Amino acid sequence: METFDPEFEQMRLEMLAMQYPDMVVVRGKVTFFAMDDEDRIAKTRWELEKDIFDELTDSGFKIHLINLLDDFIVYRARCKKSPRKRGVVSFENGVIGIEWLK
């Protein structure tokens, strides 16, 4: 079994924020869910302070964040780390973070 690195997720999110600084200045929240029977992302719900959803999509930020969240779920499954089925990513003023929900 792989050893879980508690700093891995935040480090990767911060790298994403540096790659897309114009996207993470807006206040946003992405709630995500994995399937009960599979450790893969199944659904996301986006809440944004401004109507920039098209910009998030066109820039590549949306797909990169979704792929990153899927990687986090798979990583947590490999490490037998819970919770891993749902969480919330929040960003605002260039700061991004993740909270895992039970």
Protein backbone atom coordinates (compact mmCIF):
# COMPACT_ATOMS: atom_id res chain seq x y z
CA MET A 1 0.00 0.00 0.00
CA GLU A 2 1.21 3.48 -0.91
CA THR A 3 1.84 5.96 1.92
CA PHE A 4 -0.51 8.95 1.83
CA ASP A 5 1.16 12.37 1.52
CA PRO A 6 -1.12 14.91 3.26
CA GLU A 7 0.50 17.82 1.36
CA PHE A 8 0.10 16.33 -2.14
CA GLU A 9 -3.42 17.60 -2.86
CA GLN A 10 -2.85 21.17 -1.71
CA MET A 11 0.44 21.36 -3.58
CA ARG A 12 -1.21 20.23 -6.82
CA LEU A 13 -4.11 22.69 -6.35
CA GLU A 14 -1.65 25.54 -5.81
CA MET A 15 0.17 24.55 -9.00
CA LEU A 16 -3.17 24.67 -10.84
CA ALA A 17 -3.87 28.13 -9.38
CA MET A 18 -0.48 29.36 -10.63
CA GLN A 19 -1.28 27.97 -14.09
CA TYR A 20 -4.68 29.74 -14.17
CA PRO A 21 -4.31 32.87 -12.02
CA ASP A 22 -7.16 34.71 -13.77
CA MET A 23 -9.61 31.93 -12.97
CA VAL A 24 -9.00 31.60 -9.23
CA VAL A 25 -9.38 35.29 -8.41
CA VAL A 26 -13.15 34.92 -8.74
CA ARG A 27 -14.94 33.40 -5.76
CA GLY A 28 -16.00 29.89 -6.66
CA LYS A 29 -16.90 26.55 -5.18
CA VAL A 30 -16.91 23.15 -6.87
CA THR A 31 -18.69 20.32 -5.10
CA PHE A 32 -17.72 16.91 -6.45
CA PHE A 33 -18.89 13.35 -5.99
CA ALA A 34 -17.57 9.89 -6.80
CA MET A 35 -19.70 6.85 -7.55
CA ASP A 36 -20.50 4.66 -4.56
CA ASP A 37 -19.16 1.56 -6.30
CA GLU A 38 -16.15 3.13 -8.03
CA ASP A 39 -13.35 5.45 -6.97
CA ARG A 40 -13.73 7.83 -9.92
CA ILE A 41 -15.31 11.27 -10.20
CA ALA A 42 -18.93 11.11 -11.31
CA LYS A 43 -20.40 14.58 -10.89
CA THR A 44 -19.47 18.19 -10.19
CA ARG A 45 -21.54 21.24 -9.26
CA TRP A 46 -20.09 24.70 -9.86
CA GLU A 47 -21.08 27.82 -7.92
CA LEU A 48 -19.40 31.02 -9.12
CA GLU A 49 -19.59 34.60 -7.95
CA LYS A 50 -19.44 35.83 -11.56
CA ASP A 51 -20.70 34.25 -14.75
CA ILE A 52 -17.34 32.96 -15.97
CA PHE A 53 -18.26 29.32 -16.57
CA ASP A 54 -17.51 29.61 -20.31
CA GLU A 55 -14.13 31.18 -19.53
CA LEU A 56 -13.33 28.36 -17.08
CA THR A 57 -14.19 25.84 -19.79
CA ASP A 58 -12.44 27.61 -22.67
CA SER A 59 -9.25 28.22 -20.68
CA GLY A 60 -8.87 24.54 -19.76
CA PHE A 61 -9.20 25.21 -16.02
CA LYS A 62 -12.44 23.25 -15.69
CA ILE A 63 -11.15 20.03 -17.29
CA HIS A 64 -7.81 20.28 -15.49
CA LEU A 65 -9.53 20.67 -12.11
CA ILE A 66 -11.91 17.76 -12.82
CA ASN A 67 -8.99 15.54 -13.86
CA LEU A 68 -7.06 16.58 -10.76
CA LEU A 69 -10.01 15.74 -8.49
CA ASP A 70 -10.32 12.36 -10.18
CA ASP A 71 -6.60 11.79 -9.54
CA PHE A 72 -7.10 12.71 -5.87
CA ILE A 73 -9.94 10.18 -5.52
CA VAL A 74 -7.87 7.43 -7.14
CA TYR A 75 -4.83 8.36 -5.00
CA ARG A 76 -6.88 8.26 -1.79
CA ALA A 77 -8.30 4.86 -2.80
CA ARG A 78 -4.81 3.46 -3.43
CA CYS A 79 -3.72 4.73 -0.01
CA LYS A 80 -6.94 3.52 1.67
CA LYS A 81 -7.56 7.12 2.80
CA SER A 82 -11.06 8.30 3.69
CA PRO A 83 -13.09 10.30 3.05
CA ARG A 84 -12.69 10.12 -0.72
CA LYS A 85 -16.17 10.05 -2.26
CA ARG A 86 -17.06 13.74 -2.07
CA GLY A 87 -15.65 17.12 -1.28
CA VAL A 88 -15.54 20.82 -2.05
CA VAL A 89 -12.85 22.88 -3.74
CA SER A 90 -13.06 26.59 -3.00
CA PHE A 91 -11.12 29.40 -4.61
CA GLU A 92 -11.01 33.17 -4.23
CA ASN A 93 -8.40 35.94 -4.55
CA GLY A 94 -5.85 33.44 -5.90
CA VAL A 95 -6.20 31.04 -2.97
CA ILE A 96 -7.50 27.51 -3.57
CA GLY A 97 -8.22 24.69 -1.13
CA ILE A 98 -10.03 21.40 -0.73
CA GLU A 99 -12.28 20.02 1.98
CA TRP A 100 -13.24 16.36 2.00
CA LEU A 101 -16.74 15.50 3.23
CA LYS A 102 -18.00 12.34 4.90
